[in-house]
Amino acid sequence: METRFCLALIVGFISFFLSTPATNCQETIPNPVHPMPNGSSTVQATTCTENDGKPCPRWVHELIGQYPPSQEPGEFETPRDPHSVRFWTYRGTQDPPLRTNREVFHSKIFLASHIGGAIAMIVASRTRNSGEHWRSATPVVAGLFAMDYVQFRFVGAPNGIAAPVCEMIHYSRASSK
């Protein structure tokens, strides 16, 4: 049962990191078609082609619209100003992420709380009468780390450090039995 959980956790991590697109990575093709004095101004630049390399029919363009999508003002969110993010800052549903990966993994409070939780788990697992074992504690700590990463980056810092603090308390009490 525990090995299945570990495998599911690892597959979940890999799929999360591979499926998460990097911000601002979509290449946009500038619209090279300018309205001509005698021409139609409704012509749009597109990269839509069929399998044989021919441009898509007009009805496809009418159905799907501009491809790739044109960048309209306000369509894509700008990155958040890092100086506006504090410990108690929470993210709204339409806001960009609070922190980048670099900011999360360079945050002293995030790293200190999770390292403290891992050390408490190691001590409790090595203590004879604690009732904690490596096989059951390691997946829990890894899962909490993954969830806390998401919380710290996208929701708010207090949510990202609450679990490792509880983890330290739990494993400290277990190792002191």
C-alpha atoms as a PDB file:
ATOM      1  CA  MET A   1       0.000   0.000   0.000  1.00  0.00           C
ATOM      2  CA  GLU A   2       2.780   2.444   0.908  1.00  0.00           C
ATOM      3  CA  THR A   3       4.764   1.712  -2.247  1.00  0.00           C
ATOM      4  CA  ARG A   4       1.679   2.449  -4.337  1.00  0.00           C
ATOM      5  CA  PHE A   5       1.257   5.740  -2.516  1.00  0.00           C
ATOM      6  CA  CYS A   6       4.924   6.618  -3.092  1.00  0.00           C
ATOM      7  CA  LEU A   7       4.684   5.756  -6.780  1.00  0.00           C
ATOM      8  CA  ALA A   8       1.480   7.783  -7.147  1.00  0.00           C
ATOM      9  CA  LEU A   9       3.134  10.699  -5.374  1.00  0.00           C
ATOM     10  CA  ILE A  10       6.205  10.569  -7.617  1.00  0.00           C
ATOM     11  CA  VAL A  11       4.098  10.321 -10.768  1.00  0.00           C
ATOM     12  CA  GLY A  12       2.006  13.238  -9.533  1.00  0.00           C
ATOM     13  CA  PHE A  13       5.115  15.382  -8.976  1.00  0.00           C
ATOM     14  CA  ILE A  14       6.515  14.554 -12.387  1.00  0.00           C
ATOM     15  CA  SER A  15       3.232  15.227 -14.168  1.00  0.00           C
ATOM     16  CA  PHE A  16       2.782  18.507 -12.273  1.00  0.00           C
ATOM     17  CA  PHE A  17       6.212  19.817 -13.184  1.00  0.00           C
ATOM     18  CA  LEU A  18       6.024  18.650 -16.789  1.00  0.00           C
ATOM     19  CA  SER A  19       2.525  20.005 -17.362  1.00  0.00           C
ATOM     20  CA  THR A  20       3.080  23.395 -15.742  1.00  0.00           C
ATOM     21  CA  PRO A  21       3.956  25.847 -18.499  1.00  0.00           C
ATOM     22  CA  ALA A  22       6.599  28.458 -17.878  1.00  0.00           C
ATOM     23  CA  THR A  23       5.262  31.975 -17.806  1.00  0.00           C
ATOM     24  CA  ASN A  24       5.651  34.109 -20.903  1.00  0.00           C
ATOM     25  CA  CYS A  25       6.913  31.176 -22.963  1.00  0.00           C
ATOM     26  CA  GLN A  26       4.368  31.329 -25.776  1.00  0.00           C
ATOM     27  CA  GLU A  27       5.851  32.797 -28.898  1.00  0.00           C
ATOM     28  CA  THR A  28       3.629  35.297 -30.583  1.00  0.00           C
ATOM     29  CA  ILE A  29       3.813  36.040 -34.237  1.00  0.00           C
ATOM     30  CA  PRO A  30       3.435  39.722 -34.996  1.00  0.00           C
ATOM     31  CA  ASN A  31       0.684  40.578 -37.404  1.00  0.00           C
ATOM     32  CA  PRO A  32       2.574  41.373 -40.627  1.00  0.00           C
ATOM     33  CA  VAL A  33      -0.574  42.217 -42.546  1.00  0.00           C
ATOM     34  CA  HIS A  34      -1.305  45.916 -42.485  1.00  0.00           C
ATOM     35  CA  PRO A  35      -4.437  47.377 -44.005  1.00  0.00           C
ATOM     36  CA  MET A  36      -3.732  48.519 -47.521  1.00  0.00           C
ATOM     37  CA  PRO A  37      -5.459  51.532 -48.959  1.00  0.00           C
ATOM     38  CA  ASN A  38      -7.537  49.395 -51.347  1.00  0.00           C
ATOM     39  CA  GLY A  39      -7.409  46.136 -49.404  1.00  0.00           C
ATOM     40  CA  SER A  40      -9.526  44.559 -46.711  1.00  0.00           C
ATOM     41  CA  SER A  41      -8.579  45.375 -43.134  1.00  0.00           C
ATOM     42  CA  THR A  42     -10.106  42.172 -41.753  1.00  0.00           C
ATOM     43  CA  VAL A  43      -7.303  39.866 -42.942  1.00  0.00           C
ATOM     44  CA  GLN A  44      -5.519  38.273 -39.990  1.00  0.00           C
ATOM     45  CA  ALA A  45      -2.122  36.615 -39.850  1.00  0.00           C
ATOM     46  CA  THR A  46      -2.429  32.946 -39.014  1.00  0.00           C
ATOM     47  CA  THR A  47      -0.268  29.873 -38.795  1.00  0.00           C
ATOM     48  CA  CYS A  48      -3.158  27.426 -39.145  1.00  0.00           C
ATOM     49  CA  THR A  49      -2.271  24.868 -41.819  1.00  0.00           C
ATOM     50  CA  GLU A  50      -3.602  21.502 -42.862  1.00  0.00           C
ATOM     51  CA  ASN A  51      -1.495  18.328 -42.832  1.00  0.00           C
ATOM     52  CA  ASP A  52      -0.312  18.905 -46.398  1.00  0.00           C
ATOM     53  CA  GLY A  53       0.923  22.433 -45.587  1.00  0.00           C
ATOM     54  CA  LYS A  54      -1.905  24.364 -47.250  1.00  0.00           C
ATOM     55  CA  PRO A  55      -3.581  27.153 -45.286  1.00  0.00           C
ATOM     56  CA  CYS A  56      -6.779  26.199 -43.484  1.00  0.00           C
ATOM     57  CA  PRO A  57     -10.093  26.962 -45.221  1.00  0.00           C
ATOM     58  CA  ARG A  58     -11.874  30.205 -44.459  1.00  0.00           C
ATOM     59  CA  TRP A  59     -14.625  28.460 -42.447  1.00  0.00           C
ATOM     60  CA  VAL A  60     -11.956  27.134 -40.037  1.00  0.00           C
ATOM     61  CA  HIS A  61     -10.686  30.673 -39.486  1.00  0.00           C
ATOM     62  CA  GLU A  62     -14.217  31.852 -38.840  1.00  0.00           C
ATOM     63  CA  LEU A  63     -14.780  28.978 -36.412  1.00  0.00           C
ATOM     64  CA  ILE A  64     -11.584  29.192 -34.355  1.00  0.00           C
ATOM     65  CA  GLY A  65     -10.708  32.846 -34.909  1.00  0.00           C
ATOM     66  CA  GLN A  66      -7.148  34.126 -34.807  1.00  0.00           C
ATOM     67  CA  TYR A  67      -4.498  31.434 -34.448  1.00  0.00           C
ATOM     68  CA  PRO A  68      -2.275  31.895 -32.586  1.00  0.00           C
ATOM     69  CA  PRO A  69      -4.476  34.137 -30.480  1.00  0.00           C
ATOM     70  CA  SER A  70      -3.698  37.828 -30.779  1.00  0.00           C
ATOM     71  CA  GLN A  71      -2.489  39.478 -27.628  1.00  0.00           C
ATOM     72  CA  GLU A  72      -5.059  41.999 -26.562  1.00  0.00           C
ATOM     73  CA  PRO A  73      -4.513  44.433 -23.709  1.00  0.00           C
ATOM     74  CA  GLY A  74      -5.458  42.849 -20.390  1.00  0.00           C
ATOM     75  CA  GLU A  75      -5.640  39.363 -21.889  1.00  0.00           C
ATOM     76  CA  PHE A  76      -2.408  38.127 -20.315  1.00  0.00           C
ATOM     77  CA  GLU A  77      -1.544  38.949 -16.745  1.00  0.00           C
ATOM     78  CA  THR A  78       1.693  40.725 -16.012  1.00  0.00           C
ATOM     79  CA  PRO A  79       3.964  39.231 -13.361  1.00  0.00           C
ATOM     80  CA  ARG A  80       3.396  40.443  -9.820  1.00  0.00           C
ATOM     81  CA  ASP A  81       5.759  43.042  -8.400  1.00  0.00           C
ATOM     82  CA  PRO A  82       7.933  41.101  -5.901  1.00  0.00           C
ATOM     83  CA  HIS A  83       8.085  44.085  -3.544  1.00  0.00           C
ATOM     84  CA  SER A  84       4.304  44.012  -3.105  1.00  0.00           C
ATOM     85  CA  VAL A  85       4.335  40.431  -1.736  1.00  0.00           C
ATOM     86  CA  ARG A  86       4.737  40.069   2.018  1.00  0.00           C
ATOM     87  CA  PHE A  87       4.275  37.136   4.407  1.00  0.00           C
ATOM     88  CA  TRP A  88       0.555  37.814   4.963  1.00  0.00           C
ATOM     89  CA  THR A  89      -0.239  38.502   1.292  1.00  0.00           C
ATOM     90  CA  TYR A  90      -2.877  36.210  -0.175  1.00  0.00           C
ATOM     91  CA  ARG A  91      -3.649  35.738  -3.848  1.00  0.00           C
ATOM     92  CA  GLY A  92      -7.016  36.387  -5.450  1.00  0.00           C
ATOM     93  CA  THR A  93      -8.501  34.053  -8.042  1.00  0.00           C
ATOM     94  CA  GLN A  94      -7.539  36.244 -11.015  1.00  0.00           C
ATOM     95  CA  ASP A  95      -4.139  37.371  -9.701  1.00  0.00           C
ATOM     96  CA  PRO A  96      -0.800  36.066 -10.981  1.00  0.00           C
ATOM     97  CA  PRO A  97       1.181  33.691  -8.710  1.00  0.00           C
ATOM     98  CA  LEU A  98       2.616  35.264  -5.588  1.00  0.00           C
ATOM     99  CA  ARG A  99       6.122  33.880  -5.968  1.00  0.00           C
ATOM    100  CA  THR A 100       8.324  32.286  -8.587  1.00  0.00           C
ATOM    101  CA  ASN A 101       9.997  28.905  -8.043  1.00  0.00           C
ATOM    102  CA  ARG A 102      13.236  30.697  -7.259  1.00  0.00           C
ATOM    103  CA  GLU A 103      11.572  32.873  -4.620  1.00  0.00           C
ATOM    104  CA  VAL A 104       9.930  29.844  -2.995  1.00  0.00           C
ATOM    105  CA  PHE A 105      13.107  27.782  -2.802  1.00  0.00           C
ATOM    106  CA  HIS A 106      15.174  30.759  -1.607  1.00  0.00           C
ATOM    107  CA  SER A 107      12.707  31.724   1.120  1.00  0.00           C
ATOM    108  CA  LYS A 108      14.370  31.245   4.500  1.00  0.00           C
ATOM    109  CA  ILE A 109      11.128  30.635   6.379  1.00  0.00           C
ATOM    110  CA  PHE A 110       9.904  28.052   3.847  1.00  0.00           C
ATOM    111  CA  LEU A 111      13.197  26.156   3.860  1.00  0.00           C
ATOM    112  CA  ALA A 112      13.704  26.391   7.628  1.00  0.00           C
ATOM    113  CA  SER A 113      10.237  25.076   8.440  1.00  0.00           C
ATOM    114  CA  HIS A 114      10.503  22.133   6.023  1.00  0.00           C
ATOM    115  CA  ILE A 115      14.047  21.243   7.035  1.00  0.00           C
ATOM    116  CA  GLY A 116      12.906  21.364  10.666  1.00  0.00           C
ATOM    117  CA  GLY A 117       9.984  19.060   9.873  1.00  0.00           C
ATOM    118  CA  ALA A 118      12.282  16.618   8.042  1.00  0.00           C
ATOM    119  CA  ILE A 119      14.766  16.588  10.928  1.00  0.00           C
ATOM    120  CA  ALA A 120      11.945  15.974  13.424  1.00  0.00           C
ATOM    121  CA  MET A 121      10.726  13.072  11.262  1.00  0.00           C
ATOM    122  CA  ILE A 122      14.234  11.590  11.082  1.00  0.00           C
ATOM    123  CA  VAL A 123      14.713  11.832  14.843  1.00  0.00           C
ATOM    124  CA  ALA A 124      11.287  10.308  15.526  1.00  0.00           C
ATOM    125  CA  SER A 125      11.901   7.480  13.043  1.00  0.00           C
ATOM    126  CA  ARG A 126      15.217   6.624  14.685  1.00  0.00           C
ATOM    127  CA  THR A 127      13.793   6.736  18.215  1.00  0.00           C
ATOM    128  CA  ARG A 128      12.894   3.251  19.361  1.00  0.00           C
ATOM    129  CA  ASN A 129       9.626   3.880  21.253  1.00  0.00           C
ATOM    130  CA  SER A 130       8.216   6.667  19.073  1.00  0.00           C
ATOM    131  CA  GLY A 131       5.943   4.473  16.975  1.00  0.00           C
ATOM    132  CA  GLU A 132       7.099   6.235  13.785  1.00  0.00           C
ATOM    133  CA  HIS A 133       8.723   4.372  10.901  1.00  0.00           C
ATOM    134  CA  TRP A 134      10.552   5.495   7.771  1.00  0.00           C
ATOM    135  CA  ARG A 135       8.179   3.655   5.454  1.00  0.00           C
ATOM    136  CA  SER A 136       5.113   5.478   6.740  1.00  0.00           C
ATOM    137  CA  ALA A 137       6.628   8.869   7.578  1.00  0.00           C
ATOM    138  CA  THR A 138       8.602   9.629   4.407  1.00  0.00           C
ATOM    139  CA  PRO A 139       5.620   9.699   1.987  1.00  0.00           C
ATOM    140  CA  VAL A 140       3.703  11.920   4.384  1.00  0.00           C
ATOM    141  CA  VAL A 141       6.544  14.421   4.665  1.00  0.00           C
ATOM    142  CA  ALA A 142       7.071  14.402   0.882  1.00  0.00           C
ATOM    143  CA  GLY A 143       3.360  14.920   0.236  1.00  0.00           C
ATOM    144  CA  LEU A 144       3.196  17.766   2.736  1.00  0.00           C
ATOM    145  CA  PHE A 145       6.197  19.389   1.089  1.00  0.00           C
ATOM    146  CA  ALA A 146       4.503  19.267  -2.322  1.00  0.00           C
ATOM    147  CA  MET A 147       1.237  20.688  -1.015  1.00  0.00           C
ATOM    148  CA  ASP A 148       3.072  23.384   0.946  1.00  0.00           C
ATOM    149  CA  TYR A 149       5.016  24.377  -2.164  1.00  0.00           C
ATOM    150  CA  VAL A 150       1.738  24.974  -4.001  1.00  0.00           C
ATOM    151  CA  GLN A 151       0.285  26.859  -1.028  1.00  0.00           C
ATOM    152  CA  PHE A 152       3.385  29.026  -0.558  1.00  0.00           C
ATOM    153  CA  ARG A 153       3.655  29.885  -4.247  1.00  0.00           C
ATOM    154  CA  PHE A 154       0.026  30.336  -5.246  1.00  0.00           C
ATOM    155  CA  VAL A 155      -2.104  30.966  -2.112  1.00  0.00           C
ATOM    156  CA  GLY A 156      -0.217  32.476   0.825  1.00  0.00           C
ATOM    157  CA  ALA A 157       2.842  31.963   2.995  1.00  0.00           C
ATOM    158  CA  PRO A 158       1.023  31.146   6.272  1.00  0.00           C
ATOM    159  CA  ASN A 159      -0.669  28.195   4.557  1.00  0.00           C
ATOM    160  CA  GLY A 160       2.721  26.999   3.272  1.00  0.00           C
ATOM    161  CA  ILE A 161       4.400  26.803   6.663  1.00  0.00           C
ATOM    162  CA  ALA A 162       1.527  25.694   8.898  1.00  0.00           C
ATOM    163  CA  ALA A 163       1.867  21.995   8.008  1.00  0.00           C
ATOM    164  CA  PRO A 164       5.620  21.702   8.721  1.00  0.00           C
ATOM    165  CA  VAL A 165       5.133  23.443  12.058  1.00  0.00           C
ATOM    166  CA  CYS A 166       2.455  20.864  12.960  1.00  0.00           C
ATOM    167  CA  GLU A 167       4.775  18.179  11.592  1.00  0.00           C
ATOM    168  CA  MET A 168       7.567  19.314  13.928  1.00  0.00           C
ATOM    169  CA  ILE A 169       5.197  19.285  16.897  1.00  0.00           C
ATOM    170  CA  HIS A 170       3.872  15.813  16.025  1.00  0.00           C
ATOM    171  CA  TYR A 171       7.266  14.187  15.518  1.00  0.00           C
ATOM    172  CA  SER A 172       8.791  15.949  18.564  1.00  0.00           C
ATOM    173  CA  ARG A 173       6.050  14.594  20.779  1.00  0.00           C
ATOM    174  CA  ALA A 174       6.444  11.123  19.229  1.00  0.00           C
ATOM    175  CA  SER A 175      10.187  11.061  19.795  1.00  0.00           C
ATOM    176  CA  SER A 176       9.839  12.171  23.409  1.00  0.00           C
ATOM    177  CA  LYS A 177       7.726   9.116  24.415  1.00  0.00           C
END
